[in-house]
Amino acid sequence: MFGLTEEQFTQYGVTIGLAAFIGFMLFIVWDLARKSKAGRFGTFVLFFVLAFGMLGFIVKGVLQLILGI
């Protein structure tokens, strides 16, 4: 399909899909902070706590690229 092997298509789909999902989750956190009138510190805490897992996933991907795993 589209001149790609199944493995390549899956890899690109997962990468793009997860990037879109992470972006959507960041939008949800921002919207939650805005609607709850959390203020600057509250918004920071929301992003730090709720986005910490996403950051770990991104770092894992970057490390895999750097180390060639």
Protein backbone atom coordinates (compact mmCIF):
# COMPACT_ATOMS: atom_id res chain seq x y z
CA MET A 1 0.00 0.00 0.00
CA PHE A 2 1.42 3.37 -1.08
CA GLY A 3 4.69 1.64 -1.99
CA LEU A 4 5.44 0.71 1.62
CA THR A 5 5.85 -2.63 3.30
CA GLU A 6 3.40 -3.56 6.03
CA GLU A 7 6.06 -2.93 8.68
CA GLN A 8 6.86 0.56 7.36
CA PHE A 9 3.18 1.45 7.04
CA THR A 10 2.53 0.32 10.62
CA GLN A 11 5.55 2.23 11.95
CA TYR A 12 4.50 5.47 10.23
CA GLY A 13 0.89 5.02 11.26
CA VAL A 14 1.76 4.44 14.90
CA THR A 15 4.19 7.37 14.94
CA ILE A 16 1.76 9.82 13.35
CA GLY A 17 -1.22 8.46 15.29
CA LEU A 18 0.51 8.71 18.65
CA ALA A 19 1.80 12.20 17.86
CA ALA A 20 -1.75 13.29 17.06
CA PHE A 21 -3.08 11.60 20.20
CA ILE A 22 -0.43 13.25 22.40
CA GLY A 23 -1.24 16.62 20.84
CA PHE A 24 -4.94 16.07 21.52
CA MET A 25 -4.21 15.10 25.12
CA LEU A 26 -2.16 18.29 25.60
CA PHE A 27 -5.10 20.27 24.22
CA ILE A 28 -7.40 18.54 26.73
CA VAL A 29 -5.05 19.44 29.62
CA TRP A 30 -4.89 23.06 28.42
CA ASP A 31 -8.68 23.22 28.08
CA LEU A 32 -9.09 21.71 31.55
CA ALA A 33 -6.75 24.33 33.03
CA ARG A 34 -8.56 27.14 31.21
CA LYS A 35 -12.08 26.04 32.16
CA SER A 36 -11.15 25.44 35.81
CA LYS A 37 -9.42 28.85 36.00
CA ALA A 38 -6.38 27.14 37.46
CA GLY A 39 -4.07 30.14 37.16
CA ARG A 40 -0.45 30.04 36.11
CA PHE A 41 0.81 27.73 38.84
CA GLY A 42 -2.19 25.41 38.59
CA THR A 43 -1.73 25.14 34.84
CA PHE A 44 1.93 24.31 35.35
CA VAL A 45 1.04 21.59 37.85
CA LEU A 46 -1.59 20.12 35.51
CA PHE A 47 0.82 20.02 32.59
CA PHE A 48 3.66 18.66 34.71
CA VAL A 49 1.66 15.86 36.29
CA LEU A 50 -0.63 14.88 33.42
CA ALA A 51 1.96 15.26 30.66
CA PHE A 52 4.78 13.52 32.53
CA GLY A 53 3.84 10.10 31.13
CA MET A 54 3.77 11.48 27.60
CA LEU A 55 7.22 12.96 28.11
CA GLY A 56 8.57 9.58 29.18
CA PHE A 57 7.15 7.98 26.04
CA ILE A 58 8.72 10.67 23.83
CA VAL A 59 12.11 10.31 25.56
CA LYS A 60 11.94 6.54 25.07
CA GLY A 61 11.40 7.04 21.34
CA VAL A 62 14.26 9.53 21.06
CA LEU A 63 16.62 7.20 22.94
CA GLN A 64 15.68 4.34 20.63
CA LEU A 65 16.54 6.50 17.63
CA ILE A 66 19.85 7.63 19.10
CA LEU A 67 20.94 4.17 20.24
CA GLY A 68 19.63 2.46 17.10
CA ILE A 69 17.51 -0.03 18.99
